[in-house]
Amino acid sequence: MTELSAQAIEDKLVAARTRLILDQPFLGALVLRLPLQVAQPAWCPTTGTDARKFYYNPAYIAELRPAELQFVLAHEALHCALGHFVRRQHRVKHRWDLACDYAINPILLDEGLKPPPGILMLKEYAGLTAEEIYPCIADNDHSETLDQHLYDKEDSSHQGSQDQQSNPLDQCPSESDPAKQQPNPSPSAESRQSSEPTSASSSQPNQTEFDPAANGGKPPPLSQQEAEDLGVQWQQRLAGAAQQAEQAGKLSGVMKRLVQELLRPRLPWRHLLAHYFTGLARDDYTYTRPSNRRGNPAIFPSLKSQQINAVIALDVSGSISDAELQECLAEINAIKGQVRARISLLACDADLVEGFPRVFEPWEELSLPPDLAGGGTTDFRPVFTWISQQDQAPDILVYFTDAAGFFPTLEPNYPVLWLVKGRKDVPWGMKIQLN
């Protein structure tokens, strides 16, 4: 074992942190938010974090190469910046810890950092979130994370036994929206970023100190309120670090997409869909002069309502289940009860399904035939071709799909709202992630 003094160990950590700031300013800015803290080997054989500090075993740090130490520092900072300490919810701690490491390590490897021996890494998990990886990890997986995740409480026996049975939404691969489980920063989070210190000397966040003599010096898990408060702080730090790195021209495409996804404002897809429809409901007052026969010369405002002409397209290629199609129609029927909308309903896989379009007036409820055909490949173009052949363009097209198919080359001149199940992106239009 390499023998280094306590000061030499700290100098080694500071040097690695400084190199990160120069080479990877985004990660370096996040690492600066974790003050360094020596830990006892009894509970910290390597490194760890409680979202407040970076804990380290001096003997382990002494054995790492400088490049490996940069990886370890960035690893702990990303646990915090990605909000892993507030996203666990019902999940078993050990499996959640594994999922978080499987999610982080490919990101750091893509950034060119050199990992120490013993990290968790599987190529099939690259690009997935911890929520998507979690259900793919077996209950009896006895793998161990290289670092200590000190922010969570251990499982009770009840939690472990209830995990998967009580949460059918955890499926592999998951189609859920991970960011739904993260606390959103307040609307002015980025504007307040400048109030947080950014220098190495002033990077200590406000935090609740623990008694080093209690529990063998191991920090206690975060309370729910502490986790929520730190979650907001870390999202502010994430936004500020990204802004600084982008201004320096050193924010990679991988990190930029990650930050945009994490900081994107989130609302349940049902609320967003209702928002778009009600925004199209052109209810307004008119001051048009009434008929002279009325007798009264005064002109009073009268409420006029214009009907919405909407097209709803359903991807029936087989990637969307019947239950999910019915859920989408139920939501649109609920919205139709609030706005006057004439709906043209289309079902499409490689082509329009026979028997469609089906037109529903504002007072009629949308429904599907019991023997709905489909199951072919996905091609979105027939829907847009059909619309182009109509006398009038719709006020909006809502397409319910997994976005895995052939898109038209040109964007149409009417709004398109994609309700997307899965991780695929769309070339244009507004995408609403189903969660």
Protein backbone atom coordinates (compact mmCIF):
# COMPACT_ATOMS: atom_id res chain seq x y z
CA MET A 1 0.00 0.00 0.00
CA THR A 2 1.26 3.44 -0.87
CA GLU A 3 2.06 5.41 2.29
CA LEU A 4 1.08 9.07 2.02
CA SER A 5 0.53 11.65 4.72
CA ALA A 6 -2.91 13.09 5.37
CA GLN A 7 -1.80 16.36 3.77
CA ALA A 8 -0.47 14.53 0.70
CA ILE A 9 -3.80 12.72 0.31
CA GLU A 10 -5.72 15.99 0.50
CA ASP A 11 -3.32 17.61 -1.98
CA LYS A 12 -3.89 14.70 -4.35
CA LEU A 13 -7.66 15.19 -4.14
CA VAL A 14 -7.39 18.95 -4.68
CA ALA A 15 -5.10 18.41 -7.68
CA ALA A 16 -7.56 15.97 -9.26
CA ARG A 17 -10.41 18.40 -8.62
CA THR A 18 -8.46 21.25 -10.19
CA ARG A 19 -7.70 19.16 -13.28
CA LEU A 20 -11.40 18.38 -13.62
CA ILE A 21 -12.24 22.08 -13.50
CA LEU A 22 -9.77 22.77 -16.32
CA ASP A 23 -10.59 19.78 -18.53
CA GLN A 24 -14.25 19.16 -17.63
CA PRO A 25 -15.59 22.45 -16.22
CA PHE A 26 -19.15 21.12 -15.96
CA LEU A 27 -18.16 18.16 -13.80
CA GLY A 28 -15.55 20.22 -12.00
CA ALA A 29 -18.11 22.82 -10.93
CA LEU A 30 -20.30 20.06 -9.50
CA VAL A 31 -17.40 18.41 -7.68
CA LEU A 32 -16.60 21.74 -5.99
CA ARG A 33 -20.00 21.59 -4.29
CA LEU A 34 -18.92 18.56 -2.23
CA PRO A 35 -16.50 19.47 0.59
CA LEU A 36 -13.85 16.81 1.24
CA GLN A 37 -14.22 14.79 4.43
CA VAL A 38 -12.00 11.99 5.76
CA ALA A 39 -14.04 8.89 6.65
CA GLN A 40 -13.39 5.91 8.90
CA PRO A 41 -12.43 2.73 7.02
CA ALA A 42 -14.91 0.74 9.09
CA TRP A 43 -17.86 2.16 7.17
CA CYS A 44 -16.16 3.71 4.13
CA PRO A 45 -13.74 1.33 2.40
CA THR A 46 -13.55 3.57 -0.70
CA THR A 47 -15.56 6.78 -1.12
CA GLY A 48 -19.15 7.92 -0.59
CA THR A 49 -21.52 10.85 -0.44
CA ASP A 50 -24.62 11.92 1.45
CA ALA A 51 -25.32 14.75 -1.05
CA ARG A 52 -23.59 17.12 1.37
CA LYS A 53 -19.95 15.99 1.40
CA PHE A 54 -17.45 13.76 -0.37
CA TYR A 55 -16.27 11.10 2.10
CA TYR A 56 -13.09 9.18 1.41
CA ASN A 57 -10.86 6.50 2.82
CA PRO A 58 -7.28 7.87 2.65
CA ALA A 59 -5.80 4.42 1.97
CA TYR A 60 -8.07 3.98 -1.06
CA ILE A 61 -7.26 7.45 -2.41
CA ALA A 62 -3.54 6.73 -2.08
CA GLU A 63 -3.87 3.73 -4.40
CA LEU A 64 -5.70 5.57 -7.21
CA ARG A 65 -4.04 7.12 -10.21
CA PRO A 66 -4.84 10.82 -10.78
CA ALA A 67 -7.11 10.05 -13.76
CA GLU A 68 -8.99 7.41 -11.74
CA LEU A 69 -9.42 9.88 -8.90
CA GLN A 70 -11.07 12.34 -11.29
CA PHE A 71 -13.56 9.61 -12.23
CA VAL A 72 -14.34 8.89 -8.57
CA LEU A 73 -14.88 12.57 -7.74
CA ALA A 74 -17.16 13.08 -10.75
CA HIS A 75 -19.06 9.87 -9.93
CA GLU A 76 -20.07 11.11 -6.48
CA ALA A 77 -20.97 14.56 -7.82
CA LEU A 78 -23.25 13.08 -10.48
CA HIS A 79 -25.12 11.02 -7.87
CA CYS A 80 -26.03 14.36 -6.31
CA ALA A 81 -26.62 16.36 -9.49
CA LEU A 82 -28.91 13.65 -10.91
CA GLY A 83 -30.94 13.64 -7.70
CA HIS A 84 -30.50 9.95 -6.95
CA PHE A 85 -31.08 10.68 -3.26
CA VAL A 86 -34.66 11.87 -3.96
CA ARG A 87 -35.68 9.46 -6.72
CA ARG A 88 -35.59 6.10 -4.97
CA GLN A 89 -39.17 6.19 -3.64
CA HIS A 90 -40.54 2.64 -3.14
CA ARG A 91 -37.51 0.82 -4.51
CA VAL A 92 -35.21 -1.59 -2.66
CA LYS A 93 -32.07 0.26 -1.62
CA HIS A 94 -29.49 -2.28 -2.84
CA ARG A 95 -31.04 -2.65 -6.29
CA TRP A 96 -31.51 1.12 -6.55
CA ASP A 97 -27.85 1.71 -5.64
CA LEU A 98 -26.78 -0.71 -8.37
CA ALA A 99 -29.07 0.96 -10.92
CA CYS A 100 -27.68 4.40 -10.10
CA ASP A 101 -24.10 3.25 -10.63
CA TYR A 102 -24.99 1.48 -13.88
CA ALA A 103 -26.58 4.74 -15.08
CA ILE A 104 -23.68 7.04 -14.12
CA ASN A 105 -20.61 5.09 -15.20
CA PRO A 106 -21.33 5.02 -18.97
CA ILE A 107 -21.82 8.79 -18.90
CA LEU A 108 -18.40 9.35 -17.39
CA LEU A 109 -16.78 6.88 -19.80
CA ASP A 110 -18.35 8.78 -22.71
CA GLU A 111 -16.72 11.92 -21.32
CA GLY A 112 -13.33 10.26 -21.60
CA LEU A 113 -12.69 9.71 -17.88
CA LYS A 114 -10.63 6.70 -16.78
CA PRO A 115 -12.40 4.42 -14.27
CA PRO A 116 -10.78 2.67 -11.31
CA PRO A 117 -10.94 -1.14 -11.11
CA GLY A 118 -14.19 -2.64 -9.90
CA ILE A 119 -16.81 -0.25 -11.30
CA LEU A 120 -20.23 -1.54 -12.38
CA MET A 121 -20.57 -1.35 -16.14
CA LEU A 122 -22.85 -3.08 -18.67
CA LYS A 123 -23.08 -1.83 -22.25
CA GLU A 124 -26.79 -2.62 -22.49
CA TYR A 125 -27.51 -0.06 -19.75
CA ALA A 126 -25.74 2.80 -21.54
CA GLY A 127 -28.11 5.70 -22.13
CA LEU A 128 -30.72 4.43 -19.66
CA THR A 129 -31.79 6.09 -16.44
CA ALA A 130 -31.69 4.46 -13.02
CA GLU A 131 -35.47 4.04 -13.13
CA GLU A 132 -35.22 2.13 -16.40
CA ILE A 133 -32.31 -0.03 -15.22
CA TYR A 134 -33.80 -0.90 -11.82
CA PRO A 135 -36.41 -3.47 -12.96
CA CYS A 136 -33.74 -5.25 -15.03
CA ILE A 137 -31.68 -6.03 -11.92
CA ALA A 138 -32.47 -9.38 -10.31
CA ASP A 139 -33.61 -9.55 -6.69
CA ASN A 140 -30.71 -11.87 -5.87
CA ASP A 141 -28.03 -9.76 -7.55
CA HIS A 142 -25.26 -9.56 -4.95
CA SER A 143 -23.04 -7.15 -6.87
CA GLU A 144 -21.67 -4.25 -4.84
CA THR A 145 -21.23 -0.61 -5.71
CA LEU A 146 -17.69 0.70 -5.46
CA ASP A 147 -18.82 3.72 -3.42
CA GLN A 148 -21.10 4.27 -0.43
CA HIS A 149 -24.52 5.86 -0.98
CA LEU A 150 -25.01 7.38 2.45
CA TYR A 151 -28.13 9.44 1.82
CA ASP A 152 -30.68 6.60 1.99
CA LYS A 153 -32.04 4.56 4.86
CA GLU A 154 -31.73 0.80 4.76
CA ASP A 155 -34.77 -1.20 3.72
CA SER A 156 -37.24 -2.59 6.20
CA SER A 157 -38.31 -6.17 5.62
CA HIS A 158 -41.75 -4.92 4.64
CA GLN A 159 -40.37 -2.66 1.94
CA GLY A 160 -38.32 -5.46 0.44
CA SER A 161 -41.24 -7.87 0.24
CA GLN A 162 -43.64 -5.31 -1.19
CA ASP A 163 -41.31 -3.87 -3.83
CA GLN A 164 -42.33 -5.29 -7.18
CA GLN A 165 -45.76 -6.61 -6.20
CA SER A 166 -47.10 -3.22 -5.21
CA ASN A 167 -45.59 -1.36 -8.15
CA PRO A 168 -46.57 -2.88 -11.52
CA LEU A 169 -45.23 0.20 -13.32
CA ASP A 170 -41.67 -1.13 -12.90
CA GLN A 171 -41.19 -3.21 -16.04
CA CYS A 172 -38.11 -4.01 -18.08
CA PRO A 173 -37.42 -2.12 -20.22
CA SER A 174 -39.24 0.76 -18.52
CA GLU A 175 -41.18 3.27 -20.58
CA SER A 176 -41.75 5.59 -17.66
CA ASP A 177 -40.53 9.15 -17.48
CA PRO A 178 -37.70 9.32 -14.98
CA ALA A 179 -37.77 13.01 -14.58
CA LYS A 180 -41.27 12.80 -13.22
CA GLN A 181 -39.75 11.59 -9.98
CA GLN A 182 -37.37 14.47 -9.60
CA PRO A 183 -38.14 17.65 -7.77
CA ASN A 184 -38.50 20.54 -10.17
CA PRO A 185 -36.46 23.63 -9.51
CA SER A 186 -38.45 26.72 -8.75
CA PRO A 187 -39.24 28.93 -11.78
CA SER A 188 -36.47 31.33 -10.83
CA ALA A 189 -33.90 28.63 -10.03
CA GLU A 190 -31.54 29.59 -12.83
CA SER A 191 -31.92 33.28 -12.15
CA ARG A 192 -30.92 32.69 -8.54
CA GLN A 193 -27.89 30.61 -9.51
CA SER A 194 -25.62 33.62 -9.37
CA SER A 195 -26.32 33.94 -5.64
CA GLU A 196 -24.58 30.60 -4.96
CA PRO A 197 -20.81 30.71 -4.45
CA THR A 198 -18.78 29.20 -7.27
CA SER A 199 -15.21 29.47 -6.08
CA ALA A 200 -13.36 26.60 -4.44
CA SER A 201 -12.93 28.55 -1.21
CA SER A 202 -16.61 29.39 -0.85
CA SER A 203 -18.20 26.19 -2.16
CA GLN A 204 -19.37 24.86 1.21
CA PRO A 205 -23.18 24.60 1.08
CA ASN A 206 -25.40 25.25 4.06
CA GLN A 207 -25.90 21.87 5.65
CA THR A 208 -26.93 20.11 8.83
CA GLU A 209 -23.79 18.88 10.57
CA PHE A 210 -23.76 15.48 12.27
CA ASP A 211 -21.93 14.40 15.41
CA PRO A 212 -18.76 12.55 14.33
CA ALA A 213 -18.76 10.63 17.60
CA ALA A 214 -22.26 9.25 17.02
CA ASN A 215 -22.76 6.05 14.99
CA GLY A 216 -19.04 5.62 14.46
CA GLY A 217 -18.72 8.87 12.57
CA LYS A 218 -21.02 7.72 9.78
CA PRO A 219 -23.41 10.45 8.61
CA PRO A 220 -27.11 9.72 9.18
CA PRO A 221 -29.42 9.30 6.15
CA LEU A 222 -31.21 12.38 4.88
CA SER A 223 -34.64 13.17 6.22
CA GLN A 224 -37.38 13.72 3.65
CA GLN A 225 -37.22 17.49 4.09
CA GLU A 226 -33.43 17.54 3.84
CA ALA A 227 -33.58 15.47 0.65
CA GLU A 228 -36.16 17.76 -0.92
CA ASP A 229 -34.20 20.90 -0.03
CA LEU A 230 -30.95 19.43 -1.33
CA GLY A 231 -32.72 18.27 -4.47
CA VAL A 232 -33.65 21.84 -5.33
CA GLN A 233 -30.13 23.07 -4.51
CA TRP A 234 -28.49 20.47 -6.71
CA GLN A 235 -30.73 21.28 -9.65
CA GLN A 236 -29.75 24.92 -9.29
CA ARG A 237 -26.10 23.89 -9.20
CA LEU A 238 -26.62 21.69 -12.25
CA ALA A 239 -28.07 24.60 -14.22
CA GLY A 240 -25.27 26.94 -13.15
CA ALA A 241 -22.51 24.43 -13.94
CA ALA A 242 -23.97 23.78 -17.39
CA GLN A 243 -24.22 27.50 -18.13
CA GLN A 244 -20.59 28.10 -17.13
CA ALA A 245 -19.32 25.13 -19.16
CA GLU A 246 -21.33 26.13 -22.23
CA GLN A 247 -20.00 29.70 -22.07
CA ALA A 248 -16.48 28.23 -21.98
CA GLY A 249 -17.31 26.03 -24.98
CA LYS A 250 -16.65 22.87 -22.98
CA LEU A 251 -20.09 21.33 -22.52
CA SER A 252 -20.21 18.10 -24.49
CA GLY A 253 -23.25 17.01 -26.46
CA VAL A 254 -23.83 14.11 -24.07
CA MET A 255 -23.87 16.39 -21.03
CA LYS A 256 -25.95 19.04 -22.77
CA ARG A 257 -28.69 16.54 -23.59
CA LEU A 258 -28.54 15.17 -20.06
CA VAL A 259 -28.92 18.62 -18.50
CA GLN A 260 -31.75 19.63 -20.83
CA GLU A 261 -33.63 16.46 -19.96
CA LEU A 262 -33.16 16.93 -16.23
CA LEU A 263 -34.09 20.62 -16.19
CA ARG A 264 -37.04 20.37 -18.57
CA PRO A 265 -40.23 21.48 -16.80
CA ARG A 266 -42.48 18.49 -16.25
CA LEU A 267 -46.23 18.13 -15.98
CA PRO A 268 -48.33 14.99 -16.31
CA TRP A 269 -49.08 14.40 -20.00
CA ARG A 270 -52.82 14.65 -19.36
CA HIS A 271 -52.42 18.21 -18.07
CA LEU A 272 -50.29 19.19 -21.05
CA LEU A 273 -52.76 17.70 -23.51
CA ALA A 274 -55.65 19.54 -21.85
CA HIS A 275 -53.57 22.73 -21.90
CA TYR A 276 -53.12 22.58 -25.67
CA PHE A 277 -56.78 21.88 -26.36
CA THR A 278 -58.11 24.59 -24.08
CA GLY A 279 -55.63 27.02 -25.65
CA LEU A 280 -57.25 26.32 -29.02
CA ALA A 281 -60.78 26.84 -27.69
CA ARG A 282 -61.49 30.26 -29.16
CA ASP A 283 -64.17 31.47 -26.77
CA ASP A 284 -64.36 35.25 -26.91
CA TYR A 285 -66.75 38.17 -26.73
CA THR A 286 -68.01 39.89 -29.85
CA TYR A 287 -69.36 43.45 -30.26
CA THR A 288 -70.92 42.85 -33.68
CA ARG A 289 -73.90 45.15 -34.23
CA PRO A 290 -77.13 43.14 -33.76
CA SER A 291 -80.18 43.26 -36.00
CA ASN A 292 -82.07 46.61 -36.17
CA ARG A 293 -85.30 44.79 -35.32
CA ARG A 294 -84.12 44.32 -31.72
CA GLY A 295 -85.07 47.87 -30.88
CA ASN A 296 -82.50 48.51 -28.15
CA PRO A 297 -79.75 50.77 -29.59
CA ALA A 298 -77.18 49.63 -26.97
CA ILE A 299 -74.62 47.05 -28.08
CA PHE A 300 -73.76 44.50 -25.44
CA PRO A 301 -70.95 41.93 -25.73
CA SER A 302 -72.06 38.39 -26.47
CA LEU A 303 -70.03 35.21 -25.98
CA LYS A 304 -69.14 33.39 -29.18
CA SER A 305 -67.47 30.01 -29.33
CA GLN A 306 -65.71 28.54 -32.36
CA GLN A 307 -65.48 24.78 -32.76
CA ILE A 308 -62.07 23.07 -32.81
CA ASN A 309 -61.29 20.80 -35.73
CA ALA A 310 -58.81 18.19 -34.47
CA VAL A 311 -57.31 15.02 -35.88
CA ILE A 312 -56.35 12.20 -33.53
CA ALA A 313 -54.05 9.53 -34.98
CA LEU A 314 -53.33 6.24 -33.23
CA ASP A 315 -50.30 4.08 -33.92
CA VAL A 316 -51.70 0.52 -34.09
CA SER A 317 -48.49 -1.13 -35.32
CA GLY A 318 -48.36 -3.36 -32.24
CA SER A 319 -46.00 -1.33 -30.06
CA ILE A 320 -48.97 0.36 -28.35
CA SER A 321 -51.28 -1.91 -26.35
CA ASP A 322 -55.07 -1.83 -26.58
CA ALA A 323 -55.27 -0.68 -22.96
CA GLU A 324 -52.99 2.27 -23.72
CA LEU A 325 -55.07 3.22 -26.77
CA GLN A 326 -58.22 3.18 -24.66
CA GLU A 327 -56.51 5.30 -22.00
CA CYS A 328 -55.58 7.91 -24.59
CA LEU A 329 -59.15 8.02 -25.97
CA ALA A 330 -60.59 8.32 -22.45
CA GLU A 331 -58.40 11.34 -21.80
CA ILE A 332 -59.43 13.01 -25.06
CA ASN A 333 -63.10 12.32 -24.28
CA ALA A 334 -62.63 14.05 -20.94
CA ILE A 335 -61.12 17.07 -22.68
CA LYS A 336 -63.96 17.12 -25.23
CA GLY A 337 -66.31 17.64 -22.31
CA GLN A 338 -64.63 20.99 -21.67
CA VAL A 339 -64.16 22.34 -25.21
CA ARG A 340 -66.16 22.07 -28.43
CA ALA A 341 -64.09 19.77 -30.62
CA ARG A 342 -64.94 17.86 -33.78
CA ILE A 343 -62.57 14.89 -33.92
CA SER A 344 -61.44 12.94 -36.96
CA LEU A 345 -60.01 9.68 -35.58
CA LEU A 346 -57.43 7.79 -37.64
CA ALA A 347 -55.75 4.45 -36.97
CA CYS A 348 -52.56 3.72 -38.86
CA ASP A 349 -49.69 1.25 -39.02
CA ALA A 350 -48.02 1.05 -42.45
CA ASP A 351 -51.22 2.54 -43.92
CA LEU A 352 -54.59 3.81 -42.74
CA VAL A 353 -56.65 1.01 -41.22
CA GLU A 354 -59.83 0.12 -43.07
CA GLY A 355 -62.89 1.80 -41.56
CA PHE A 356 -61.04 5.01 -40.70
CA PRO A 357 -61.31 7.96 -40.41
CA ARG A 358 -64.16 7.97 -37.95
CA VAL A 359 -65.62 11.42 -37.34
CA PHE A 360 -67.06 12.38 -33.94
CA GLU A 361 -69.05 15.55 -33.34
CA PRO A 362 -68.53 17.53 -30.10
CA TRP A 363 -71.41 15.73 -28.37
CA GLU A 364 -70.23 12.23 -29.38
CA GLU A 365 -67.79 10.07 -27.44
CA LEU A 366 -64.71 8.67 -29.17
CA SER A 367 -64.61 4.89 -29.47
CA LEU A 368 -62.78 2.16 -31.33
CA PRO A 369 -64.28 -0.83 -33.15
CA PRO A 370 -63.98 -4.12 -31.22
CA ASP A 371 -62.05 -5.78 -34.07
CA LEU A 372 -59.42 -3.10 -34.67
CA ALA A 373 -56.86 -4.29 -37.22
CA GLY A 374 -53.19 -3.36 -37.21
CA GLY A 375 -49.84 -4.79 -36.24
CA GLY A 376 -47.71 -3.88 -39.25
CA THR A 377 -44.72 -1.57 -39.45
CA THR A 378 -45.06 2.07 -38.47
CA ASP A 379 -45.36 4.77 -41.13
CA PHE A 380 -46.63 8.22 -40.14
CA ARG A 381 -46.86 9.55 -43.69
CA PRO A 382 -50.33 8.18 -44.61
CA VAL A 383 -51.93 10.28 -41.86
CA PHE A 384 -50.31 13.48 -43.15
CA THR A 385 -51.21 12.55 -46.74
CA TRP A 386 -54.85 12.12 -45.77
CA ILE A 387 -54.90 15.50 -44.02
CA SER A 388 -53.36 17.20 -47.08
CA GLN A 389 -56.26 15.90 -49.19
CA GLN A 390 -58.91 17.55 -46.99
CA ASP A 391 -60.48 20.91 -47.75
CA GLN A 392 -59.23 22.46 -44.52
CA ALA A 393 -56.17 21.86 -42.35
CA PRO A 394 -56.93 20.84 -38.76
CA ASP A 395 -56.41 23.12 -35.79
CA ILE A 396 -54.18 20.39 -34.31
CA LEU A 397 -53.01 16.84 -34.98
CA VAL A 398 -52.40 14.62 -31.95
CA TYR A 399 -50.43 11.46 -32.75
CA PHE A 400 -50.22 8.69 -30.13
CA THR A 401 -47.16 6.53 -30.90
CA ASP A 402 -43.77 5.20 -29.83
CA ALA A 403 -42.17 7.46 -32.51
CA ALA A 404 -40.38 4.50 -34.15
CA GLY A 405 -41.36 4.86 -37.81
CA PHE A 406 -41.10 6.85 -41.03
CA PHE A 407 -41.76 10.59 -40.74
CA PRO A 408 -42.72 13.00 -43.53
CA THR A 409 -39.79 14.99 -44.85
CA LEU A 410 -41.47 18.39 -44.46
CA GLU A 411 -43.12 19.78 -41.34
CA PRO A 412 -46.80 20.68 -41.95
CA ASN A 413 -48.22 24.18 -41.41
CA TYR A 414 -50.53 23.08 -38.58
CA PRO A 415 -49.54 22.18 -35.01
CA VAL A 416 -48.57 18.55 -34.36
CA LEU A 417 -48.57 17.13 -30.86
CA TRP A 418 -46.78 13.80 -30.41
CA LEU A 419 -47.79 11.70 -27.39
CA VAL A 420 -44.73 9.46 -27.25
CA LYS A 421 -44.41 6.22 -25.35
CA GLY A 422 -40.71 5.36 -25.08
CA ARG A 423 -37.40 7.11 -25.63
CA LYS A 424 -37.54 7.92 -29.35
CA ASP A 425 -37.38 11.54 -30.48
CA VAL A 426 -39.41 13.34 -33.15
CA PRO A 427 -37.96 15.57 -35.91
CA TRP A 428 -40.46 18.40 -35.42
CA GLY A 429 -43.66 19.26 -33.63
CA MET A 430 -44.21 19.23 -29.87
CA LYS A 431 -43.33 16.02 -28.03
CA ILE A 432 -45.13 15.09 -24.80
CA GLN A 433 -43.50 12.21 -22.99
CA LEU A 434 -46.02 9.76 -21.61
CA ASN A 435 -45.23 9.02 -17.96
